[in-house]
């Protein structure tokens, strides 16, 4: 999570204000964004064990009700489970 005009303190405050429950990456110098070819954010990304982006979506895809599954959230769960199986082997 970063933008060309964002400071660490600004990103930290936004994450805390939003009560973000997932890890937030401070991408100083946008090195990760460039390495993974990320163009838009805020987004969720699932990075595979091979270092490639396996899945991505805008944060709104998860909605306000975590119990309500969408096609995109089901796709995320399936992709995540498949990747976890690789790690468990």
C-alpha atoms as a PDB file:
ATOM      1  CA  UNK A   1       0.000   0.000   0.000  1.00  0.00           C
ATOM      2  CA  UNK A   2       1.598   3.217  -1.093  1.00  0.00           C
ATOM      3  CA  UNK A   3       1.245   5.936  -3.602  1.00  0.00           C
ATOM      4  CA  UNK A   4       3.734   8.361  -4.972  1.00  0.00           C
ATOM      5  CA  UNK A   5       2.589  11.056  -2.501  1.00  0.00           C
ATOM      6  CA  UNK A   6       1.917   8.824   0.514  1.00  0.00           C
ATOM      7  CA  UNK A   7       4.110   8.848   3.569  1.00  0.00           C
ATOM      8  CA  UNK A   8       4.553   5.925   5.924  1.00  0.00           C
ATOM      9  CA  UNK A   9       2.650   7.792   8.647  1.00  0.00           C
ATOM     10  CA  UNK A  10      -0.267   8.511   6.290  1.00  0.00           C
ATOM     11  CA  UNK A  11      -0.531   4.876   5.195  1.00  0.00           C
ATOM     12  CA  UNK A  12      -0.253   3.669   8.796  1.00  0.00           C
ATOM     13  CA  UNK A  13      -3.022   6.062   9.915  1.00  0.00           C
ATOM     14  CA  UNK A  14      -5.301   4.970   7.062  1.00  0.00           C
ATOM     15  CA  UNK A  15      -4.751   1.304   7.882  1.00  0.00           C
ATOM     16  CA  UNK A  16      -5.420   1.884  11.581  1.00  0.00           C
ATOM     17  CA  UNK A  17      -8.463   4.090  10.930  1.00  0.00           C
ATOM     18  CA  UNK A  18      -9.940   1.470   8.633  1.00  0.00           C
ATOM     19  CA  UNK A  19      -9.131  -1.224  11.162  1.00  0.00           C
ATOM     20  CA  UNK A  20      -7.479  -3.295   8.462  1.00  0.00           C
ATOM     21  CA  UNK A  21      -7.266  -6.903   9.594  1.00  0.00           C
ATOM     22  CA  UNK A  22      -4.895  -8.120   6.903  1.00  0.00           C
ATOM     23  CA  UNK A  23      -1.212  -7.276   6.506  1.00  0.00           C
ATOM     24  CA  UNK A  24      -0.461  -3.955   4.837  1.00  0.00           C
ATOM     25  CA  UNK A  25       2.706  -3.567   2.824  1.00  0.00           C
ATOM     26  CA  UNK A  26       4.554  -0.240   2.883  1.00  0.00           C
ATOM     27  CA  UNK A  27       6.036  -0.255  -0.587  1.00  0.00           C
ATOM     28  CA  UNK A  28       8.743   2.388  -0.253  1.00  0.00           C
ATOM     29  CA  UNK A  29       9.939   3.353  -3.687  1.00  0.00           C
ATOM     30  CA  UNK A  30       7.205   1.147  -5.202  1.00  0.00           C
ATOM     31  CA  UNK A  31       9.697  -1.703  -5.628  1.00  0.00           C
ATOM     32  CA  UNK A  32       7.101  -4.435  -5.022  1.00  0.00           C
ATOM     33  CA  UNK A  33       4.507  -2.762  -7.237  1.00  0.00           C
ATOM     34  CA  UNK A  34       7.017  -2.671 -10.059  1.00  0.00           C
ATOM     35  CA  UNK A  35       8.314  -6.211  -9.483  1.00  0.00           C
ATOM     36  CA  UNK A  36       4.810  -7.724  -9.528  1.00  0.00           C
ATOM     37  CA  UNK A  37       3.460  -5.486 -12.319  1.00  0.00           C
ATOM     38  CA  UNK A  38       0.762  -3.997 -10.081  1.00  0.00           C
ATOM     39  CA  UNK A  39      -0.947  -1.003 -11.636  1.00  0.00           C
ATOM     40  CA  UNK A  40      -3.970  -0.308  -9.434  1.00  0.00           C
ATOM     41  CA  UNK A  41      -4.569  -0.165  -5.719  1.00  0.00           C
ATOM     42  CA  UNK A  42      -6.000  -0.470  -3.140  1.00  0.00           C
ATOM     43  CA  UNK A  43      -6.311  -4.090  -4.065  1.00  0.00           C
ATOM     44  CA  UNK A  44      -5.866  -7.497  -2.565  1.00  0.00           C
ATOM     45  CA  UNK A  45      -3.215  -9.691  -4.105  1.00  0.00           C
ATOM     46  CA  UNK A  46      -2.401 -13.336  -3.575  1.00  0.00           C
ATOM     47  CA  UNK A  47       1.254 -13.978  -4.379  1.00  0.00           C
ATOM     48  CA  UNK A  48       2.080 -17.602  -5.108  1.00  0.00           C
ATOM     49  CA  UNK A  49       5.021 -19.597  -3.874  1.00  0.00           C
ATOM     50  CA  UNK A  50       6.611 -18.992  -7.268  1.00  0.00           C
ATOM     51  CA  UNK A  51       6.487 -15.214  -6.680  1.00  0.00           C
ATOM     52  CA  UNK A  52       3.776 -14.553  -9.273  1.00  0.00           C
ATOM     53  CA  UNK A  53       0.441 -12.825  -8.703  1.00  0.00           C
ATOM     54  CA  UNK A  54      -2.185 -15.600  -8.667  1.00  0.00           C
ATOM     55  CA  UNK A  55      -5.265 -13.574  -7.833  1.00  0.00           C
ATOM     56  CA  UNK A  56      -6.213  -9.921  -7.453  1.00  0.00           C
ATOM     57  CA  UNK A  57      -9.295  -7.852  -6.719  1.00  0.00           C
ATOM     58  CA  UNK A  58     -10.307  -4.429  -5.504  1.00  0.00           C
ATOM     59  CA  UNK A  59     -10.986  -4.352  -1.784  1.00  0.00           C
ATOM     60  CA  UNK A  60     -14.702  -3.719  -2.411  1.00  0.00           C
ATOM     61  CA  UNK A  61     -15.068  -7.286  -3.720  1.00  0.00           C
ATOM     62  CA  UNK A  62     -15.202  -8.552  -0.136  1.00  0.00           C
ATOM     63  CA  UNK A  63     -18.002  -6.171   0.852  1.00  0.00           C
ATOM     64  CA  UNK A  64     -19.149  -5.367   4.347  1.00  0.00           C
ATOM     65  CA  UNK A  65     -20.590  -8.767   5.181  1.00  0.00           C
ATOM     66  CA  UNK A  66     -17.824 -11.383   5.376  1.00  0.00           C
ATOM     67  CA  UNK A  67     -20.409 -14.165   5.526  1.00  0.00           C
ATOM     68  CA  UNK A  68     -21.854 -13.221   2.131  1.00  0.00           C
ATOM     69  CA  UNK A  69     -19.779 -15.033  -0.490  1.00  0.00           C
ATOM     70  CA  UNK A  70     -19.424 -13.655  -3.987  1.00  0.00           C
ATOM     71  CA  UNK A  71     -18.039 -15.362  -7.061  1.00  0.00           C
ATOM     72  CA  UNK A  72     -14.797 -13.442  -6.562  1.00  0.00           C
ATOM     73  CA  UNK A  73     -14.458 -14.424  -2.887  1.00  0.00           C
ATOM     74  CA  UNK A  74     -15.111 -18.074  -3.745  1.00  0.00           C
ATOM     75  CA  UNK A  75     -12.453 -17.822  -6.469  1.00  0.00           C
ATOM     76  CA  UNK A  76     -10.041 -16.383  -3.890  1.00  0.00           C
ATOM     77  CA  UNK A  77     -10.723 -19.191  -1.412  1.00  0.00           C
ATOM     78  CA  UNK A  78     -10.209 -21.850  -4.091  1.00  0.00           C
ATOM     79  CA  UNK A  79      -6.949 -20.269  -5.289  1.00  0.00           C
ATOM     80  CA  UNK A  80      -5.663 -19.817  -1.750  1.00  0.00           C
ATOM     81  CA  UNK A  81      -6.463 -23.415  -0.802  1.00  0.00           C
ATOM     82  CA  UNK A  82      -4.671 -24.731  -3.899  1.00  0.00           C
ATOM     83  CA  UNK A  83      -1.598 -22.664  -3.061  1.00  0.00           C
ATOM     84  CA  UNK A  84      -1.638 -23.793   0.572  1.00  0.00           C
ATOM     85  CA  UNK A  85      -1.712 -27.418  -0.581  1.00  0.00           C
ATOM     86  CA  UNK A  86       1.565 -26.798  -2.444  1.00  0.00           C
ATOM     87  CA  UNK A  87       3.180 -25.517   0.737  1.00  0.00           C
ATOM     88  CA  UNK A  88       1.891 -28.425   2.826  1.00  0.00           C
ATOM     89  CA  UNK A  89       3.503 -31.017   0.527  1.00  0.00           C
END
